[in-house]
Amino acid sequence: MTLPALASLLVLATLAGYGLLCALSPFGTCRRCDGHGTRLRTTRTGHIRPGKPCRRCHGRGRRVRLGHRALTTTRTLHRNGTH
């Protein structure tokens, strides 16, 4: 195989793997709060306590993956265009 063909095959395999991941697990952990749902804070005595709910995930600790969001958008556009 030539180098461009091998690179194309690698890119397609990566995209297929990510698509499979988005289909099986559409939600990932929130990057801001690491899936806790709140920003952890440290008190003056050194204890770790939950703070305010995370603004990015609204306290759920989960986020929608980019690939799942793109898949949902294309499904909606297709459905609205055919009906």
N, C-alpha and C. Protein backbone atom coordinates (compact mmCIF):
# COMPACT_ATOMS: atom_id res chain seq x y z
N MET A 1 0.84 -1.18 0.00
CA MET A 1 0.00 0.00 0.00
C MET A 1 0.88 1.24 0.00
N THR A 2 0.38 2.25 -0.65
CA THR A 2 1.11 3.50 -0.66
C THR A 2 0.81 4.26 0.63
N LEU A 3 1.61 5.24 0.91
CA LEU A 3 1.47 6.01 2.13
C LEU A 3 0.15 6.79 2.19
N PRO A 4 -0.29 7.47 1.12
CA PRO A 4 -1.59 8.16 1.20
C PRO A 4 -2.77 7.21 1.41
N ALA A 5 -2.71 6.03 0.79
CA ALA A 5 -3.79 5.06 0.98
C ALA A 5 -3.81 4.55 2.41
N LEU A 6 -2.65 4.32 2.99
CA LEU A 6 -2.57 3.86 4.36
C LEU A 6 -3.06 4.94 5.32
N ALA A 7 -2.71 6.20 5.05
CA ALA A 7 -3.17 7.30 5.89
C ALA A 7 -4.69 7.45 5.79
N SER A 8 -5.24 7.33 4.60
CA SER A 8 -6.69 7.41 4.43
C SER A 8 -7.40 6.28 5.16
N LEU A 9 -6.84 5.09 5.09
CA LEU A 9 -7.42 3.95 5.79
C LEU A 9 -7.39 4.17 7.30
N LEU A 10 -6.32 4.73 7.81
CA LEU A 10 -6.20 5.00 9.24
C LEU A 10 -7.22 6.05 9.68
N VAL A 11 -7.41 7.08 8.88
CA VAL A 11 -8.40 8.12 9.21
C VAL A 11 -9.80 7.53 9.20
N LEU A 12 -10.13 6.72 8.20
CA LEU A 12 -11.45 6.10 8.14
C LEU A 12 -11.69 5.14 9.30
N ALA A 13 -10.68 4.40 9.70
CA ALA A 13 -10.81 3.50 10.84
C ALA A 13 -11.02 4.28 12.13
N THR A 14 -10.33 5.40 12.29
CA THR A 14 -10.50 6.24 13.47
C THR A 14 -11.90 6.82 13.53
N LEU A 15 -12.39 7.33 12.40
CA LEU A 15 -13.75 7.88 12.35
C LEU A 15 -14.81 6.82 12.62
N ALA A 16 -14.60 5.62 12.09
CA ALA A 16 -15.55 4.54 12.34
C ALA A 16 -15.55 4.15 13.82
N GLY A 17 -14.39 4.13 14.44
CA GLY A 17 -14.32 3.82 15.87
C GLY A 17 -15.00 4.88 16.72
N TYR A 18 -14.81 6.15 16.36
CA TYR A 18 -15.45 7.22 17.11
C TYR A 18 -16.96 7.20 16.90
N GLY A 19 -17.39 6.88 15.69
CA GLY A 19 -18.83 6.76 15.43
C GLY A 19 -19.45 5.64 16.23
N LEU A 20 -18.75 4.54 16.35
CA LEU A 20 -19.23 3.42 17.16
C LEU A 20 -19.29 3.81 18.64
N LEU A 21 -18.28 4.54 19.11
CA LEU A 21 -18.26 5.00 20.49
C LEU A 21 -19.45 5.92 20.76
N CYS A 22 -19.74 6.84 19.82
CA CYS A 22 -20.86 7.76 20.00
C CYS A 22 -22.20 7.03 19.96
N ALA A 23 -22.28 5.97 19.19
CA ALA A 23 -23.52 5.20 19.13
C ALA A 23 -23.74 4.39 20.41
N LEU A 24 -22.68 3.84 20.97
CA LEU A 24 -22.80 3.02 22.17
C LEU A 24 -22.86 3.85 23.45
N SER A 25 -22.13 4.95 23.47
CA SER A 25 -22.08 5.80 24.67
C SER A 25 -22.16 7.25 24.24
N PRO A 26 -23.38 7.79 24.07
CA PRO A 26 -23.52 9.15 23.56
C PRO A 26 -23.11 10.23 24.53
N PHE A 27 -22.98 9.91 25.80
CA PHE A 27 -22.60 10.90 26.80
C PHE A 27 -21.21 10.63 27.35
N GLY A 28 -20.45 11.69 27.57
CA GLY A 28 -19.14 11.60 28.17
C GLY A 28 -19.13 12.39 29.46
N THR A 29 -18.08 12.29 30.23
CA THR A 29 -18.01 13.06 31.47
C THR A 29 -17.69 14.51 31.16
N CYS A 30 -18.20 15.38 31.98
CA CYS A 30 -17.96 16.81 31.82
C CYS A 30 -16.49 17.10 32.08
N ARG A 31 -15.88 17.88 31.20
CA ARG A 31 -14.46 18.17 31.35
C ARG A 31 -14.19 19.20 32.44
N ARG A 32 -15.16 20.04 32.70
CA ARG A 32 -14.93 21.10 33.68
C ARG A 32 -14.98 20.56 35.11
N CYS A 33 -15.97 19.71 35.41
CA CYS A 33 -16.11 19.21 36.78
C CYS A 33 -15.66 17.76 36.93
N ASP A 34 -15.14 17.15 35.88
CA ASP A 34 -14.68 15.76 35.87
C ASP A 34 -15.76 14.77 36.26
N GLY A 35 -17.01 15.08 35.93
CA GLY A 35 -18.11 14.17 36.18
C GLY A 35 -18.70 14.25 37.57
N HIS A 36 -18.25 15.19 38.39
CA HIS A 36 -18.78 15.31 39.75
C HIS A 36 -20.10 16.08 39.79
N GLY A 37 -20.33 16.96 38.84
CA GLY A 37 -21.54 17.76 38.83
C GLY A 37 -21.38 19.08 39.56
N THR A 38 -20.35 19.18 40.37
CA THR A 38 -20.05 20.42 41.07
C THR A 38 -18.56 20.68 41.00
N ARG A 39 -18.21 21.93 41.13
CA ARG A 39 -16.79 22.27 41.25
C ARG A 39 -16.40 22.03 42.70
N LEU A 40 -15.41 21.20 42.91
CA LEU A 40 -14.99 20.90 44.28
C LEU A 40 -14.19 22.07 44.84
N ARG A 41 -14.42 22.38 46.10
CA ARG A 41 -13.69 23.47 46.73
C ARG A 41 -13.07 22.95 48.02
N THR A 42 -12.07 23.63 48.46
CA THR A 42 -11.38 23.26 49.70
C THR A 42 -11.71 24.30 50.76
N THR A 43 -12.12 23.84 51.93
CA THR A 43 -12.44 24.76 53.02
C THR A 43 -11.14 25.24 53.67
N ARG A 44 -11.29 26.14 54.61
CA ARG A 44 -10.10 26.68 55.29
C ARG A 44 -9.38 25.61 56.11
N THR A 45 -10.12 24.59 56.54
CA THR A 45 -9.50 23.53 57.33
C THR A 45 -8.92 22.42 56.46
N GLY A 46 -9.07 22.53 55.14
CA GLY A 46 -8.49 21.56 54.23
C GLY A 46 -9.42 20.47 53.76
N HIS A 47 -10.68 20.51 54.18
CA HIS A 47 -11.65 19.51 53.74
C HIS A 47 -12.15 19.86 52.34
N ILE A 48 -12.41 18.83 51.55
CA ILE A 48 -12.92 19.04 50.20
C ILE A 48 -14.44 18.93 50.27
N ARG A 49 -15.10 19.96 49.80
CA ARG A 49 -16.55 20.03 49.80
C ARG A 49 -17.05 20.34 48.40
N PRO A 50 -18.27 19.91 48.09
CA PRO A 50 -18.83 20.31 46.80
C PRO A 50 -19.21 21.79 46.82
N GLY A 51 -18.97 22.45 45.71
CA GLY A 51 -19.30 23.86 45.61
C GLY A 51 -20.60 24.04 44.86
N LYS A 52 -20.66 25.05 44.02
CA LYS A 52 -21.85 25.32 43.22
C LYS A 52 -21.97 24.28 42.10
N PRO A 53 -23.18 24.08 41.60
CA PRO A 53 -23.33 23.16 40.46
C PRO A 53 -22.55 23.67 39.25
N CYS A 54 -22.02 22.76 38.49
CA CYS A 54 -21.24 23.10 37.31
C CYS A 54 -22.13 23.79 36.28
N ARG A 55 -21.66 24.90 35.72
CA ARG A 55 -22.46 25.63 34.76
C ARG A 55 -22.46 24.96 33.39
N ARG A 56 -21.44 24.23 33.07
CA ARG A 56 -21.37 23.60 31.75
C ARG A 56 -22.33 22.42 31.63
N CYS A 57 -22.39 21.57 32.64
CA CYS A 57 -23.24 20.38 32.57
C CYS A 57 -24.50 20.51 33.40
N HIS A 58 -24.71 21.65 34.03
CA HIS A 58 -25.89 21.92 34.87
C HIS A 58 -26.02 20.93 36.02
N GLY A 59 -24.89 20.51 36.57
CA GLY A 59 -24.90 19.64 37.74
C GLY A 59 -25.11 18.16 37.44
N ARG A 60 -25.18 17.77 36.18
CA ARG A 60 -25.39 16.36 35.85
C ARG A 60 -24.09 15.58 35.76
N GLY A 61 -23.00 16.24 35.46
CA GLY A 61 -21.71 15.56 35.34
C GLY A 61 -21.49 14.89 34.00
N ARG A 62 -22.44 15.00 33.09
CA ARG A 62 -22.35 14.37 31.78
C ARG A 62 -22.50 15.42 30.70
N ARG A 63 -21.97 15.15 29.53
CA ARG A 63 -22.11 16.04 28.39
C ARG A 63 -22.36 15.19 27.15
N VAL A 64 -22.98 15.80 26.15
CA VAL A 64 -23.25 15.09 24.91
C VAL A 64 -21.98 15.14 24.06
N ARG A 65 -21.58 14.00 23.53
CA ARG A 65 -20.39 13.97 22.68
C ARG A 65 -20.65 14.71 21.37
N LEU A 66 -19.60 15.27 20.81
CA LEU A 66 -19.71 16.05 19.58
C LEU A 66 -20.23 15.21 18.42
N GLY A 67 -19.78 13.98 18.31
CA GLY A 67 -20.23 13.10 17.23
C GLY A 67 -21.71 12.76 17.36
N HIS A 68 -22.19 12.57 18.58
CA HIS A 68 -23.61 12.28 18.78
C HIS A 68 -24.45 13.50 18.46
N ARG A 69 -23.96 14.68 18.81
CA ARG A 69 -24.67 15.91 18.49
C ARG A 69 -24.77 16.10 16.98
N ALA A 70 -23.68 15.82 16.26
CA ALA A 70 -23.69 15.94 14.80
C ALA A 70 -24.64 14.91 14.17
N LEU A 71 -24.64 13.69 14.70
CA LEU A 71 -25.53 12.65 14.21
C LEU A 71 -26.99 13.03 14.42
N THR A 72 -27.32 13.55 15.60
CA THR A 72 -28.69 13.98 15.89
C THR A 72 -29.12 15.12 14.98
N THR A 73 -28.21 16.06 14.73
CA THR A 73 -28.53 17.19 13.86
C THR A 73 -28.80 16.72 12.43
N THR A 74 -27.97 15.81 11.92
CA THR A 74 -28.19 15.33 10.55
C THR A 74 -29.47 14.50 10.45
N ARG A 75 -29.79 13.73 11.49
CA ARG A 75 -31.05 12.97 11.49
C ARG A 75 -32.24 13.92 11.47
N THR A 76 -32.18 14.99 12.27
CA THR A 76 -33.27 15.95 12.32
C THR A 76 -33.43 16.66 10.98
N LEU A 77 -32.33 17.06 10.37
CA LEU A 77 -32.41 17.72 9.06
C LEU A 77 -32.99 16.79 8.01
N HIS A 78 -32.58 15.54 8.05
CA HIS A 78 -33.09 14.56 7.08
C HIS A 78 -34.59 14.32 7.29
N ARG A 79 -34.98 14.17 8.56
CA ARG A 79 -36.38 13.92 8.86
C ARG A 79 -37.26 15.11 8.47
N ASN A 80 -36.80 16.33 8.74
CA ASN A 80 -37.58 17.52 8.40
C ASN A 80 -37.62 17.73 6.88
N GLY A 81 -36.60 17.30 6.19
CA GLY A 81 -36.57 17.49 4.74
C GLY A 81 -37.39 16.47 3.97
N THR A 82 -37.62 15.30 4.56
CA THR A 82 -38.35 14.26 3.84
C THR A 82 -39.82 14.22 4.17
N HIS A 83 -40.23 14.85 5.25
CA HIS A 83 -41.66 14.82 5.62
C HIS A 83 -42.34 16.09 5.24
